C-alpha cells in the first residue's frame, strides 16, 4: 500500500478539537474559531456576521460548524452571506472540520466558522 502525504499548500488544516477548543495548524484556539487558507483565529460566533461577510470575494464556500449537532442559522444570516456570493454549508463542527480539510487539500477557496463541540471541564 502506498500512502501519500496530504498537501494543504499554504493553508492551515484543522488538526483536532475538543471541549471548547480547536487546534489549527498546531495552534490552539479556545472557543469559536474562524479558519481560512490565510490563517485562523478566534471568532465571535453567530453574532459575528461581519467576520464572515468580510470573506466575500476571497473564498467560495464557508462550512459553518454548529457545535456537536446540526442547528439552524439565525434568521437571515444565510441570505446575507449568499447575497455576497458566498456558498454556505451548515453541519456539525466535527463534520465541518473534516470537510474544510478535504476541500482545502483540493486547493479550493474555503473557510470554516466553527462553534465548539462542548464546554471544557477543567
C-alpha atoms as a PDB file:
ATOM      1  CA  UNK A   1       0.000   0.000   0.000  1.00  0.00           C
ATOM      2  CA  UNK A   2       1.252   3.459  -0.852  1.00  0.00           C
ATOM      3  CA  UNK A   3       0.484   6.382   1.461  1.00  0.00           C
ATOM      4  CA  UNK A   4       0.564   9.917   0.158  1.00  0.00           C
ATOM      5  CA  UNK A   5       1.133  12.974   2.309  1.00  0.00           C
ATOM      6  CA  UNK A   6      -1.742  15.473   2.120  1.00  0.00           C
ATOM      7  CA  UNK A   7      -0.644  18.840   0.748  1.00  0.00           C
ATOM      8  CA  UNK A   8      -2.574  21.807   2.136  1.00  0.00           C
ATOM      9  CA  UNK A   9      -0.466  24.330   0.231  1.00  0.00           C
ATOM     10  CA  UNK A  10      -0.019  27.406   2.398  1.00  0.00           C
ATOM     11  CA  UNK A  11      -3.310  26.678   4.214  1.00  0.00           C
ATOM     12  CA  UNK A  12      -3.689  25.647   7.836  1.00  0.00           C
ATOM     13  CA  UNK A  13      -5.683  22.448   8.421  1.00  0.00           C
ATOM     14  CA  UNK A  14      -7.769  21.723  11.492  1.00  0.00           C
ATOM     15  CA  UNK A  15      -5.561  19.283  13.406  1.00  0.00           C
ATOM     16  CA  UNK A  16      -8.048  18.484  16.165  1.00  0.00           C
ATOM     17  CA  UNK A  17     -10.748  19.715  18.505  1.00  0.00           C
ATOM     18  CA  UNK A  18     -12.097  19.037  21.939  1.00  0.00           C
ATOM     19  CA  UNK A  19     -14.277  20.562  24.627  1.00  0.00           C
ATOM     20  CA  UNK A  20     -14.193  24.325  23.967  1.00  0.00           C
ATOM     21  CA  UNK A  21     -11.098  24.389  21.701  1.00  0.00           C
ATOM     22  CA  UNK A  22      -9.767  23.784  18.196  1.00  0.00           C
ATOM     23  CA  UNK A  23      -6.160  23.003  17.201  1.00  0.00           C
ATOM     24  CA  UNK A  24      -5.408  24.588  13.827  1.00  0.00           C
ATOM     25  CA  UNK A  25      -2.020  24.439  12.173  1.00  0.00           C
ATOM     26  CA  UNK A  26      -0.556  23.434  15.545  1.00  0.00           C
ATOM     27  CA  UNK A  27      -2.004  26.407  17.472  1.00  0.00           C
ATOM     28  CA  UNK A  28      -4.842  26.120  19.994  1.00  0.00           C
ATOM     29  CA  UNK A  29      -7.826  28.469  19.701  1.00  0.00           C
ATOM     30  CA  UNK A  30     -10.223  28.429  22.630  1.00  0.00           C
ATOM     31  CA  UNK A  31     -13.907  28.904  21.883  1.00  0.00           C
ATOM     32  CA  UNK A  32     -15.289  29.560  18.414  1.00  0.00           C
ATOM     33  CA  UNK A  33     -12.787  29.731  15.545  1.00  0.00           C
ATOM     34  CA  UNK A  34     -12.690  31.099  12.010  1.00  0.00           C
ATOM     35  CA  UNK A  35     -10.328  29.261   9.667  1.00  0.00           C
ATOM     36  CA  UNK A  36      -9.327  30.407   6.185  1.00  0.00           C
ATOM     37  CA  UNK A  37      -6.450  29.401   3.917  1.00  0.00           C
ATOM     38  CA  UNK A  38      -4.643  32.561   5.119  1.00  0.00           C
ATOM     39  CA  UNK A  39      -4.873  31.704   8.821  1.00  0.00           C
ATOM     40  CA  UNK A  40      -7.068  31.094  11.819  1.00  0.00           C
ATOM     41  CA  UNK A  41      -8.205  32.956  14.884  1.00  0.00           C
ATOM     42  CA  UNK A  42     -10.997  33.430  17.380  1.00  0.00           C
ATOM     43  CA  UNK A  43     -14.457  34.121  16.014  1.00  0.00           C
ATOM     44  CA  UNK A  44     -17.297  35.923  17.786  1.00  0.00           C
ATOM     45  CA  UNK A  45     -19.762  33.166  16.931  1.00  0.00           C
ATOM     46  CA  UNK A  46     -23.080  33.511  15.151  1.00  0.00           C
ATOM     47  CA  UNK A  47     -23.451  37.129  16.295  1.00  0.00           C
ATOM     48  CA  UNK A  48     -20.262  37.997  14.363  1.00  0.00           C
ATOM     49  CA  UNK A  49     -21.654  38.010  10.821  1.00  0.00           C
ATOM     50  CA  UNK A  50     -19.244  40.808   9.836  1.00  0.00           C
ATOM     51  CA  UNK A  51     -16.263  38.445  10.024  1.00  0.00           C
ATOM     52  CA  UNK A  52     -17.992  36.053   7.633  1.00  0.00           C
ATOM     53  CA  UNK A  53     -19.173  38.775   5.267  1.00  0.00           C
ATOM     54  CA  UNK A  54     -15.600  40.120   5.094  1.00  0.00           C
ATOM     55  CA  UNK A  55     -14.628  36.867   3.332  1.00  0.00           C
ATOM     56  CA  UNK A  56     -16.672  37.756   0.238  1.00  0.00           C
ATOM     57  CA  UNK A  57     -14.505  37.693  -2.867  1.00  0.00           C
ATOM     58  CA  UNK A  58     -11.749  35.762  -1.063  1.00  0.00           C
ATOM     59  CA  UNK A  59     -13.475  32.410  -0.620  1.00  0.00           C
ATOM     60  CA  UNK A  60     -16.240  30.481  -2.355  1.00  0.00           C
ATOM     61  CA  UNK A  61     -17.669  28.303   0.436  1.00  0.00           C
ATOM     62  CA  UNK A  62     -17.993  28.630   4.213  1.00  0.00           C
ATOM     63  CA  UNK A  63     -18.533  25.472   6.232  1.00  0.00           C
ATOM     64  CA  UNK A  64     -20.351  26.535   9.398  1.00  0.00           C
ATOM     65  CA  UNK A  65     -19.921  24.080  12.248  1.00  0.00           C
ATOM     66  CA  UNK A  66     -22.788  24.456  14.703  1.00  0.00           C
ATOM     67  CA  UNK A  67     -21.163  22.534  17.570  1.00  0.00           C
ATOM     68  CA  UNK A  68     -21.823  18.898  18.390  1.00  0.00           C
ATOM     69  CA  UNK A  69     -25.114  18.837  16.452  1.00  0.00           C
ATOM     70  CA  UNK A  70     -26.543  20.492  13.348  1.00  0.00           C
ATOM     71  CA  UNK A  71     -28.728  23.502  14.160  1.00  0.00           C
ATOM     72  CA  UNK A  72     -30.310  26.243  12.041  1.00  0.00           C
ATOM     73  CA  UNK A  73     -28.561  29.541  11.430  1.00  0.00           C
ATOM     74  CA  UNK A  74     -30.044  32.710  12.902  1.00  0.00           C
ATOM     75  CA  UNK A  75     -32.789  34.135  10.724  1.00  0.00           C
ATOM     76  CA  UNK A  76     -31.454  35.882   7.629  1.00  0.00           C
ATOM     77  CA  UNK A  77     -27.748  35.020   8.074  1.00  0.00           C
ATOM     78  CA  UNK A  78     -27.650  32.524   5.205  1.00  0.00           C
ATOM     79  CA  UNK A  79     -29.408  35.035   2.931  1.00  0.00           C
ATOM     80  CA  UNK A  80     -26.908  37.782   3.818  1.00  0.00           C
ATOM     81  CA  UNK A  81     -23.934  35.505   3.122  1.00  0.00           C
ATOM     82  CA  UNK A  82     -25.335  34.147  -0.137  1.00  0.00           C
ATOM     83  CA  UNK A  83     -26.193  37.682  -1.311  1.00  0.00           C
ATOM     84  CA  UNK A  84     -22.443  38.400  -1.098  1.00  0.00           C
ATOM     85  CA  UNK A  85     -21.672  35.382  -3.321  1.00  0.00           C
ATOM     86  CA  UNK A  86     -20.637  33.030  -0.515  1.00  0.00           C
ATOM     87  CA  UNK A  87     -21.714  29.404  -0.552  1.00  0.00           C
ATOM     88  CA  UNK A  88     -22.879  28.232   2.884  1.00  0.00           C
ATOM     89  CA  UNK A  89     -22.888  24.670   4.196  1.00  0.00           C
ATOM     90  CA  UNK A  90     -24.282  24.010   7.692  1.00  0.00           C
ATOM     91  CA  UNK A  91     -23.164  20.914   9.613  1.00  0.00           C
ATOM     92  CA  UNK A  92     -21.817  19.785  12.955  1.00  0.00           C
ATOM     93  CA  UNK A  93     -18.388  21.163  13.839  1.00  0.00           C
ATOM     94  CA  UNK A  94     -16.642  17.755  13.524  1.00  0.00           C
ATOM     95  CA  UNK A  95     -18.073  17.369  10.004  1.00  0.00           C
ATOM     96  CA  UNK A  96     -17.136  20.975   9.150  1.00  0.00           C
ATOM     97  CA  UNK A  97     -13.525  20.337  10.245  1.00  0.00           C
ATOM     98  CA  UNK A  98     -13.275  17.267   8.024  1.00  0.00           C
ATOM     99  CA  UNK A  99     -14.973  18.975   5.071  1.00  0.00           C
ATOM    100  CA  UNK A 100     -12.723  22.031   5.404  1.00  0.00           C
ATOM    101  CA  UNK A 101      -9.554  19.907   5.447  1.00  0.00           C
ATOM    102  CA  UNK A 102     -10.552  17.852   2.403  1.00  0.00           C
ATOM    103  CA  UNK A 103     -11.662  20.883   0.403  1.00  0.00           C
ATOM    104  CA  UNK A 104      -8.542  22.837   1.408  1.00  0.00           C
ATOM    105  CA  UNK A 105      -6.348  19.946   0.226  1.00  0.00           C
ATOM    106  CA  UNK A 106      -8.047  20.256  -3.181  1.00  0.00           C
ATOM    107  CA  UNK A 107      -6.763  23.831  -3.415  1.00  0.00           C
ATOM    108  CA  UNK A 108     -10.231  25.378  -3.194  1.00  0.00           C
ATOM    109  CA  UNK A 109     -11.091  28.774  -1.684  1.00  0.00           C
ATOM    110  CA  UNK A 110     -12.814  27.662   1.504  1.00  0.00           C
ATOM    111  CA  UNK A 111     -13.313  28.740   5.115  1.00  0.00           C
ATOM    112  CA  UNK A 112     -14.717  27.159   8.273  1.00  0.00           C
ATOM    113  CA  UNK A 113     -16.564  29.004  11.009  1.00  0.00           C
ATOM    114  CA  UNK A 114     -16.601  26.639  13.969  1.00  0.00           C
ATOM    115  CA  UNK A 115     -18.568  26.649  17.206  1.00  0.00           C
ATOM    116  CA  UNK A 116     -17.068  24.485  19.985  1.00  0.00           C
ATOM    117  CA  UNK A 117     -18.356  20.960  20.490  1.00  0.00           C
ATOM    118  CA  UNK A 118     -18.713  21.301  24.255  1.00  0.00           C
ATOM    119  CA  UNK A 119     -17.529  23.020  27.389  1.00  0.00           C
ATOM    120  CA  UNK A 120     -14.137  22.468  28.977  1.00  0.00           C
ATOM    121  CA  UNK A 121     -14.241  20.610  32.280  1.00  0.00           C
ATOM    122  CA  UNK A 122     -11.048  21.834  33.865  1.00  0.00           C
END
